[in-house]
N, C-alpha and C. Protein backbone atom coordinates (compact mmCIF):
# COMPACT_ATOMS: atom_id res chain seq x y z
N MET A 1 -62.22 -6.18 -2.41
CA MET A 1 -61.11 -6.94 -1.89
C MET A 1 -60.72 -6.46 -0.50
N ALA A 2 -60.97 -5.19 -0.21
CA ALA A 2 -60.61 -4.64 1.09
C ALA A 2 -61.32 -5.38 2.23
N ARG A 3 -62.53 -5.85 1.93
CA ARG A 3 -63.24 -6.53 3.01
C ARG A 3 -62.56 -7.83 3.41
N PHE A 4 -61.75 -8.40 2.51
CA PHE A 4 -61.02 -9.62 2.86
C PHE A 4 -59.74 -9.30 3.59
N LEU A 5 -59.18 -8.16 3.37
CA LEU A 5 -57.91 -7.82 4.00
C LEU A 5 -58.12 -7.37 5.44
N ARG A 6 -59.16 -6.64 5.68
CA ARG A 6 -59.37 -6.12 7.03
C ARG A 6 -59.44 -7.23 8.08
N PRO A 7 -60.24 -8.27 7.85
CA PRO A 7 -60.26 -9.35 8.85
C PRO A 7 -58.89 -10.02 9.00
N GLY A 8 -58.17 -10.15 7.90
CA GLY A 8 -56.84 -10.76 7.97
C GLY A 8 -55.90 -9.94 8.81
N ILE A 9 -55.97 -8.63 8.64
CA ILE A 9 -55.13 -7.75 9.45
C ILE A 9 -55.54 -7.84 10.90
N ARG A 10 -56.85 -7.85 11.13
CA ARG A 10 -57.36 -7.96 12.49
C ARG A 10 -56.88 -9.27 13.13
N SER A 11 -56.92 -10.34 12.35
CA SER A 11 -56.47 -11.63 12.84
C SER A 11 -54.99 -11.61 13.17
N PHE A 12 -54.21 -10.96 12.30
CA PHE A 12 -52.78 -10.86 12.53
C PHE A 12 -52.49 -10.11 13.82
N VAL A 13 -53.17 -8.99 14.01
CA VAL A 13 -52.96 -8.19 15.22
C VAL A 13 -53.35 -8.99 16.45
N THR A 14 -54.49 -9.70 16.34
CA THR A 14 -54.95 -10.51 17.46
C THR A 14 -53.93 -11.59 17.81
N SER A 15 -53.40 -12.26 16.78
CA SER A 15 -52.43 -13.31 17.05
C SER A 15 -51.15 -12.73 17.65
N GLN A 16 -50.77 -11.53 17.21
CA GLN A 16 -49.58 -10.89 17.77
C GLN A 16 -49.82 -10.53 19.24
N LEU A 17 -51.01 -10.06 19.54
CA LEU A 17 -51.34 -9.75 20.94
C LEU A 17 -51.33 -11.01 21.78
N ARG A 18 -51.87 -12.09 21.22
CA ARG A 18 -51.89 -13.36 21.96
C ARG A 18 -50.47 -13.84 22.23
N MET A 19 -49.60 -13.72 21.23
CA MET A 19 -48.23 -14.16 21.40
C MET A 19 -47.52 -13.29 22.44
N SER A 20 -47.79 -12.00 22.42
CA SER A 20 -47.13 -11.13 23.39
C SER A 20 -47.69 -11.35 24.79
N SER A 21 -48.95 -11.83 24.87
CA SER A 21 -49.53 -12.09 26.19
C SER A 21 -48.83 -13.27 26.86
N ASP A 22 -48.19 -14.14 26.06
CA ASP A 22 -47.45 -15.25 26.66
C ASP A 22 -46.30 -14.74 27.52
N GLN A 23 -45.81 -13.58 27.20
CA GLN A 23 -44.72 -12.99 27.98
C GLN A 23 -45.22 -12.52 29.34
N LEU A 24 -46.52 -12.26 29.41
CA LEU A 24 -47.09 -11.77 30.65
C LEU A 24 -47.48 -12.90 31.59
N GLY A 25 -47.55 -14.09 31.10
CA GLY A 25 -47.94 -15.23 31.92
C GLY A 25 -48.94 -16.08 31.18
N GLU A 26 -49.33 -17.17 31.78
CA GLU A 26 -50.25 -18.10 31.13
C GLU A 26 -51.65 -17.51 31.12
N LEU A 27 -52.38 -17.74 30.01
CA LEU A 27 -53.74 -17.23 29.90
C LEU A 27 -54.62 -17.89 30.96
N GLY A 28 -55.53 -17.10 31.53
CA GLY A 28 -56.45 -17.63 32.52
C GLY A 28 -55.89 -17.73 33.92
N LYS A 29 -54.70 -17.19 34.16
CA LYS A 29 -54.08 -17.28 35.48
C LYS A 29 -54.24 -15.99 36.28
N GLY A 30 -55.12 -15.11 35.80
CA GLY A 30 -55.27 -13.81 36.45
C GLY A 30 -55.82 -13.93 37.85
N ALA A 31 -55.53 -12.93 38.67
CA ALA A 31 -56.05 -12.91 40.04
C ALA A 31 -57.45 -12.32 40.03
N GLY A 32 -58.28 -12.66 41.00
CA GLY A 32 -59.61 -12.11 41.10
C GLY A 32 -60.56 -12.79 40.13
N LYS A 33 -61.52 -12.03 39.60
CA LYS A 33 -62.51 -12.59 38.68
C LYS A 33 -61.82 -13.16 37.45
N GLY A 34 -62.23 -14.33 37.02
CA GLY A 34 -61.70 -14.94 35.81
C GLY A 34 -60.44 -15.73 36.03
N GLY A 35 -59.87 -15.72 37.20
CA GLY A 35 -58.66 -16.49 37.47
C GLY A 35 -58.99 -17.94 37.73
N GLY A 36 -58.01 -18.78 37.78
CA GLY A 36 -58.21 -20.18 38.11
C GLY A 36 -58.76 -20.99 36.97
N ALA A 37 -59.48 -22.06 37.30
CA ALA A 37 -59.97 -23.01 36.30
C ALA A 37 -60.95 -22.35 35.33
N MET A 38 -61.82 -21.49 35.82
CA MET A 38 -62.79 -20.82 34.95
C MET A 38 -62.07 -19.91 33.96
N GLY A 39 -61.05 -19.23 34.43
CA GLY A 39 -60.28 -18.35 33.56
C GLY A 39 -59.54 -19.12 32.49
N LYS A 40 -58.99 -20.26 32.87
CA LYS A 40 -58.29 -21.11 31.89
C LYS A 40 -59.26 -21.61 30.83
N ARG A 41 -60.45 -22.02 31.29
CA ARG A 41 -61.45 -22.53 30.35
C ARG A 41 -61.87 -21.43 29.38
N GLN A 42 -62.13 -20.23 29.92
CA GLN A 42 -62.53 -19.12 29.06
C GLN A 42 -61.41 -18.76 28.08
N ALA A 43 -60.17 -18.77 28.55
CA ALA A 43 -59.04 -18.47 27.67
C ALA A 43 -58.92 -19.51 26.56
N ALA A 44 -59.15 -20.78 26.90
CA ALA A 44 -59.09 -21.84 25.90
C ALA A 44 -60.21 -21.68 24.87
N GLU A 45 -61.40 -21.32 25.34
CA GLU A 45 -62.52 -21.10 24.42
C GLU A 45 -62.25 -19.92 23.49
N GLU A 46 -61.64 -18.87 24.05
CA GLU A 46 -61.28 -17.71 23.22
C GLU A 46 -60.25 -18.10 22.16
N GLU A 47 -59.28 -18.88 22.56
CA GLU A 47 -58.27 -19.34 21.61
C GLU A 47 -58.91 -20.12 20.46
N LEU A 48 -59.82 -21.04 20.81
CA LEU A 48 -60.52 -21.82 19.79
C LEU A 48 -61.34 -20.92 18.88
N TYR A 49 -62.01 -19.93 19.47
CA TYR A 49 -62.81 -19.00 18.68
C TYR A 49 -61.94 -18.28 17.66
N PHE A 50 -60.81 -17.74 18.11
CA PHE A 50 -59.95 -16.99 17.22
C PHE A 50 -59.31 -17.88 16.16
N LYS A 51 -58.98 -19.11 16.51
CA LYS A 51 -58.43 -20.03 15.52
C LYS A 51 -59.48 -20.37 14.45
N ARG A 52 -60.71 -20.62 14.88
CA ARG A 52 -61.79 -20.90 13.92
C ARG A 52 -62.04 -19.70 13.01
N LYS A 53 -62.07 -18.52 13.63
CA LYS A 53 -62.31 -17.29 12.87
C LYS A 53 -61.21 -17.08 11.84
N GLU A 54 -59.97 -17.28 12.23
CA GLU A 54 -58.85 -17.12 11.31
C GLU A 54 -58.94 -18.14 10.16
N LYS A 55 -59.33 -19.37 10.49
CA LYS A 55 -59.48 -20.41 9.47
C LYS A 55 -60.57 -20.04 8.47
N GLU A 56 -61.68 -19.50 8.97
CA GLU A 56 -62.77 -19.06 8.09
C GLU A 56 -62.29 -17.92 7.18
N GLN A 57 -61.54 -16.99 7.75
CA GLN A 57 -61.06 -15.84 6.98
C GLN A 57 -60.08 -16.29 5.90
N LEU A 58 -59.22 -17.23 6.23
CA LEU A 58 -58.28 -17.74 5.23
C LEU A 58 -59.02 -18.48 4.11
N ALA A 59 -60.03 -19.23 4.47
CA ALA A 59 -60.83 -19.94 3.46
C ALA A 59 -61.53 -18.94 2.54
N ALA A 60 -62.07 -17.87 3.11
CA ALA A 60 -62.74 -16.84 2.30
C ALA A 60 -61.73 -16.15 1.39
N LEU A 61 -60.55 -15.89 1.89
CA LEU A 61 -59.51 -15.25 1.09
C LEU A 61 -59.06 -16.16 -0.05
N ARG A 62 -58.88 -17.45 0.24
CA ARG A 62 -58.53 -18.42 -0.81
C ARG A 62 -59.61 -18.46 -1.89
N GLN A 63 -60.87 -18.51 -1.46
CA GLN A 63 -61.99 -18.55 -2.40
C GLN A 63 -61.98 -17.29 -3.26
N HIS A 64 -61.75 -16.16 -2.65
CA HIS A 64 -61.70 -14.89 -3.40
C HIS A 64 -60.60 -14.94 -4.47
N HIS A 65 -59.43 -15.43 -4.09
CA HIS A 65 -58.33 -15.51 -5.05
C HIS A 65 -58.63 -16.50 -6.17
N GLU A 66 -59.28 -17.61 -5.84
CA GLU A 66 -59.67 -18.58 -6.88
C GLU A 66 -60.64 -17.94 -7.87
N GLU A 67 -61.59 -17.18 -7.35
CA GLU A 67 -62.54 -16.50 -8.22
C GLU A 67 -61.84 -15.47 -9.09
N GLU A 68 -60.88 -14.75 -8.52
CA GLU A 68 -60.10 -13.77 -9.29
C GLU A 68 -59.32 -14.47 -10.41
N ILE A 69 -58.71 -15.59 -10.10
CA ILE A 69 -57.95 -16.35 -11.10
C ILE A 69 -58.87 -16.79 -12.24
N ASP A 70 -60.04 -17.34 -11.89
CA ASP A 70 -61.00 -17.77 -12.91
C ASP A 70 -61.43 -16.60 -13.79
N HIS A 71 -61.69 -15.48 -13.16
CA HIS A 71 -62.09 -14.28 -13.91
C HIS A 71 -61.00 -13.87 -14.90
N HIS A 72 -59.76 -13.86 -14.44
CA HIS A 72 -58.66 -13.44 -15.31
C HIS A 72 -58.42 -14.45 -16.44
N LYS A 73 -58.58 -15.73 -16.16
CA LYS A 73 -58.45 -16.74 -17.21
C LYS A 73 -59.50 -16.52 -18.29
N LYS A 74 -60.73 -16.25 -17.87
CA LYS A 74 -61.80 -15.99 -18.85
C LYS A 74 -61.51 -14.73 -19.64
N GLU A 75 -60.98 -13.74 -18.98
CA GLU A 75 -60.63 -12.49 -19.66
C GLU A 75 -59.52 -12.73 -20.69
N ILE A 76 -58.54 -13.54 -20.33
CA ILE A 76 -57.46 -13.88 -21.27
C ILE A 76 -58.04 -14.59 -22.49
N GLU A 77 -58.93 -15.55 -22.25
CA GLU A 77 -59.55 -16.27 -23.37
C GLU A 77 -60.34 -15.32 -24.28
N ARG A 78 -61.07 -14.39 -23.68
CA ARG A 78 -61.83 -13.42 -24.47
C ARG A 78 -60.90 -12.55 -25.30
N LEU A 79 -59.83 -12.07 -24.68
CA LEU A 79 -58.88 -11.23 -25.40
C LEU A 79 -58.18 -12.01 -26.51
N GLN A 80 -57.88 -13.29 -26.26
CA GLN A 80 -57.26 -14.11 -27.30
C GLN A 80 -58.19 -14.27 -28.50
N ARG A 81 -59.49 -14.46 -28.24
CA ARG A 81 -60.46 -14.53 -29.33
C ARG A 81 -60.48 -13.22 -30.12
N ASP A 82 -60.42 -12.09 -29.42
CA ASP A 82 -60.38 -10.80 -30.10
C ASP A 82 -59.13 -10.67 -30.97
N ILE A 83 -57.99 -11.11 -30.44
CA ILE A 83 -56.73 -11.06 -31.20
C ILE A 83 -56.86 -11.91 -32.46
N ASP A 84 -57.38 -13.12 -32.29
CA ASP A 84 -57.55 -14.01 -33.45
C ASP A 84 -58.50 -13.40 -34.48
N ARG A 85 -59.56 -12.79 -34.00
CA ARG A 85 -60.52 -12.15 -34.91
C ARG A 85 -59.85 -11.03 -35.71
N HIS A 86 -59.06 -10.21 -35.02
CA HIS A 86 -58.37 -9.11 -35.70
C HIS A 86 -57.30 -9.64 -36.67
N LYS A 87 -56.62 -10.70 -36.29
CA LYS A 87 -55.64 -11.30 -37.21
C LYS A 87 -56.34 -11.81 -38.47
N GLY A 88 -57.53 -12.39 -38.28
CA GLY A 88 -58.31 -12.86 -39.42
C GLY A 88 -58.69 -11.72 -40.35
N LYS A 89 -59.05 -10.59 -39.78
CA LYS A 89 -59.39 -9.41 -40.58
C LYS A 89 -58.17 -8.93 -41.37
N ILE A 90 -56.99 -8.95 -40.73
CA ILE A 90 -55.76 -8.54 -41.41
C ILE A 90 -55.46 -9.49 -42.56
N ARG A 91 -55.60 -10.81 -42.32
CA ARG A 91 -55.36 -11.80 -43.39
C ARG A 91 -56.32 -11.57 -44.56
N LYS A 92 -57.57 -11.29 -44.23
CA LYS A 92 -58.55 -11.05 -45.27
C LYS A 92 -58.20 -9.80 -46.08
N LEU A 93 -57.76 -8.75 -45.39
CA LEU A 93 -57.36 -7.53 -46.10
C LEU A 93 -56.16 -7.79 -47.01
N LYS A 94 -55.19 -8.59 -46.54
CA LYS A 94 -54.02 -8.92 -47.36
C LYS A 94 -54.44 -9.76 -48.55
N HIS A 95 -55.38 -10.67 -48.34
CA HIS A 95 -55.85 -11.56 -49.41
C HIS A 95 -56.62 -10.77 -50.48
N ASP A 96 -57.37 -9.75 -50.02
CA ASP A 96 -58.16 -8.95 -50.95
C ASP A 96 -57.28 -8.05 -51.83
N ASP A 97 -56.05 -7.80 -51.41
CA ASP A 97 -55.16 -6.92 -52.20
C ASP A 97 -54.79 -7.58 -53.44
């Protein structure tokens, strides 16, 4: 499960950094290399990359939770069968008395 949390934490930190970078000015407006239209384009591509990555991570986390739920449901059903089996044994013991 840890492998699903680490990317989520990384994504959270990245989004927090992106939000705090808004306080510094608009993305892609830097002076020198990367400034201007090319910088804006690269910043937009980075934003899309991180949004896609976060979407993939959320989908993987949802899938993991669905699998966990299915596993626990099956475990509950197995334990219920065991309970019923033991109750049957108790009934049989009472009947044999």
